[in-house]
Amino acid sequence: MVVDDHPMWREGVARDLTEAGFLVVATSGEGRQAVRVAAAARPDVVVLDLQLPDISGVEVILGLRAALPDVRVLMLSASGEQQSVLDAVKAGANGYLVKSTAPAEFLDAVRRTAAGEAIFTPGLAGLVLGEYRRLAARPGQPTD
């Protein structure tokens, strides 16, 4: 499933996925609609933008997790800001790529996300690991 508020981007990503052999079961341009549609379409992977017109991608992740606990979520966003990435991961994103990612790298990331791997744009992987280590170093604080 592809969720992005920009129709040309959403349709282009869906087309690229289809041409690469993926079955795109649904698309959506709004967050609340995406959660409803995903509950019915039951995608294995949701490619999700962070900025949506009605609710944030983080709120969509929380809704998806409630409706489909096993769904895998790959954020694909223009924002690579630290807090955005950490918020998405804390909500349950399985990975986070910036939209400047090359098409072949994106398709590989979708395959790997479907297989259960955590996928991050290289600079963001270090950020997530650093945050985990920071939290783990705090005495008496749970890390999960």
Protein backbone atom coordinates (compact mmCIF):
# COMPACT_ATOMS: atom_id res chain seq x y z
CA MET A 1 0.00 0.00 0.00
CA VAL A 2 1.22 3.51 -0.80
CA VAL A 3 0.17 6.53 1.28
CA ASP A 4 1.21 9.99 0.12
CA ASP A 5 -0.75 13.21 -0.28
CA HIS A 6 0.87 14.16 -3.60
CA PRO A 7 -1.01 12.31 -6.39
CA MET A 8 1.89 12.28 -8.86
CA TRP A 9 4.31 10.95 -6.23
CA ARG A 10 1.80 8.37 -4.95
CA GLU A 11 0.97 7.14 -8.44
CA GLY A 12 4.64 7.06 -9.45
CA VAL A 13 5.64 4.99 -6.41
CA ALA A 14 2.71 2.62 -6.98
CA ARG A 15 3.68 2.27 -10.65
CA ASP A 16 7.33 1.58 -9.80
CA LEU A 17 6.30 -1.05 -7.27
CA THR A 18 3.93 -2.72 -9.74
CA GLU A 19 6.57 -2.73 -12.49
CA ALA A 20 9.00 -4.35 -10.03
CA GLY A 21 6.53 -7.19 -9.40
CA PHE A 22 4.85 -6.02 -6.21
CA LEU A 23 1.08 -6.15 -5.85
CA VAL A 24 -0.11 -2.71 -4.76
CA VAL A 25 -3.39 -3.46 -2.97
CA ALA A 26 -4.34 0.15 -2.22
CA THR A 27 -3.28 3.78 -2.27
CA SER A 28 -4.40 6.73 -0.19
CA GLY A 29 -3.73 10.45 0.05
CA GLU A 30 -5.00 10.93 3.60
CA GLY A 31 -4.06 9.36 6.91
CA ARG A 32 -7.43 8.43 8.37
CA GLN A 33 -8.53 6.97 5.06
CA ALA A 34 -5.26 5.02 4.88
CA VAL A 35 -5.92 3.34 8.22
CA ARG A 36 -9.47 2.37 7.17
CA VAL A 37 -8.39 1.14 3.75
CA ALA A 38 -5.44 -0.81 5.18
CA ALA A 39 -7.72 -2.60 7.63
CA ALA A 40 -9.75 -3.86 4.64
CA ALA A 41 -6.92 -4.38 2.12
CA ARG A 42 -4.54 -5.99 4.66
CA PRO A 43 -1.21 -5.01 3.01
CA ASP A 44 2.04 -6.66 4.06
CA VAL A 45 3.95 -3.37 3.72
CA VAL A 46 2.75 0.24 3.83
CA VAL A 47 4.98 2.85 2.20
CA LEU A 48 4.01 5.94 4.14
CA ASP A 49 4.74 9.66 3.89
CA LEU A 50 5.25 11.58 7.14
CA GLN A 51 3.32 14.72 6.16
CA LEU A 52 -0.34 14.14 5.33
CA PRO A 53 -3.15 16.70 5.18
CA ASP A 54 -5.30 15.35 8.02
CA ILE A 55 -3.09 13.46 10.50
CA SER A 56 0.63 12.84 10.66
CA GLY A 57 2.35 9.72 9.42
CA VAL A 58 3.18 8.93 13.06
CA GLU A 59 -0.54 8.91 13.89
CA VAL A 60 -1.14 6.67 10.87
CA ILE A 61 1.47 4.22 12.15
CA LEU A 62 -0.30 4.05 15.51
CA GLY A 63 -3.62 3.41 13.76
CA LEU A 64 -2.09 0.77 11.51
CA ARG A 65 -0.49 -0.98 14.47
CA ALA A 66 -3.85 -1.08 16.27
CA ALA A 67 -5.68 -2.48 13.21
CA LEU A 68 -2.91 -4.66 11.76
CA PRO A 69 -0.23 -5.47 14.36
CA ASP A 70 1.93 -7.40 11.87
CA VAL A 71 1.95 -4.82 9.07
CA ARG A 72 5.37 -3.46 8.18
CA VAL A 73 5.71 0.28 7.71
CA LEU A 74 8.40 1.92 5.59
CA MET A 75 8.42 5.69 5.93
CA LEU A 76 9.31 7.50 2.73
CA SER A 77 9.56 11.19 3.51
CA ALA A 78 11.20 14.39 2.38
CA SER A 79 12.04 15.03 6.03
CA GLY A 80 15.15 13.46 7.47
CA GLU A 81 15.00 15.53 10.64
CA GLN A 82 16.12 13.71 13.76
CA GLN A 83 12.89 14.09 15.73
CA SER A 84 10.72 12.99 12.79
CA VAL A 85 12.75 9.82 12.37
CA LEU A 86 12.75 9.01 16.09
CA ASP A 87 9.02 9.67 16.42
CA ALA A 88 8.28 7.35 13.49
CA VAL A 89 10.46 4.57 14.90
CA LYS A 90 8.95 4.94 18.38
CA ALA A 91 5.46 4.66 16.83
CA GLY A 92 6.46 1.42 15.12
CA ALA A 93 7.97 2.19 11.71
CA ASN A 94 10.16 -0.63 10.44
CA GLY A 95 12.26 1.71 8.37
CA TYR A 96 12.73 5.25 7.14
CA LEU A 97 13.99 6.46 3.77
CA VAL A 98 14.25 9.97 2.44
CA LYS A 99 12.57 10.68 -0.87
CA SER A 100 15.91 11.37 -2.53
CA THR A 101 16.67 7.63 -2.33
CA ALA A 102 17.46 6.07 -5.72
CA PRO A 103 14.65 3.95 -7.21
CA ALA A 104 16.62 0.69 -7.10
CA GLU A 105 17.54 1.31 -3.47
CA PHE A 106 13.89 2.05 -2.66
CA LEU A 107 12.65 -1.17 -4.30
CA ASP A 108 15.30 -3.15 -2.44
CA ALA A 109 14.21 -1.49 0.81
CA VAL A 110 10.60 -2.53 0.20
CA ARG A 111 11.69 -6.13 -0.42
CA ARG A 112 13.81 -6.14 2.70
CA THR A 113 11.07 -4.50 4.78
CA ALA A 114 8.64 -7.21 3.61
CA ALA A 115 11.21 -9.79 4.74
CA GLY A 116 11.28 -8.27 8.22
CA GLU A 117 14.45 -6.20 8.09
CA ALA A 118 14.78 -2.72 9.57
CA ILE A 119 15.75 -0.35 6.75
CA PHE A 120 17.10 3.18 7.15
CA THR A 121 18.80 5.71 4.91
CA PRO A 122 22.47 5.30 5.93
CA GLY A 123 22.79 8.49 7.99
CA LEU A 124 19.52 7.77 9.77
CA ALA A 125 20.58 4.29 10.88
CA GLY A 126 23.32 5.83 13.03
CA LEU A 127 20.82 8.28 14.49
CA VAL A 128 18.43 5.51 15.56
CA LEU A 129 21.25 3.40 16.99
CA GLY A 130 22.62 6.42 18.87
CA GLU A 131 19.22 7.14 20.41
CA TYR A 132 18.83 3.52 21.46
CA ARG A 133 22.26 3.58 23.09
CA ARG A 134 21.46 6.85 24.83
CA LEU A 135 18.27 5.40 26.27
CA ALA A 136 20.00 2.16 27.25
CA ALA A 137 22.64 4.08 29.17
CA ARG A 138 20.05 5.75 31.41
CA PRO A 139 19.90 3.78 34.65
CA GLY A 140 16.51 2.37 35.57
CA GLN A 141 14.91 3.25 32.23
CA PRO A 142 13.32 0.58 30.01
CA THR A 143 14.83 0.43 26.51
CA ASP A 144 11.97 -1.22 24.67
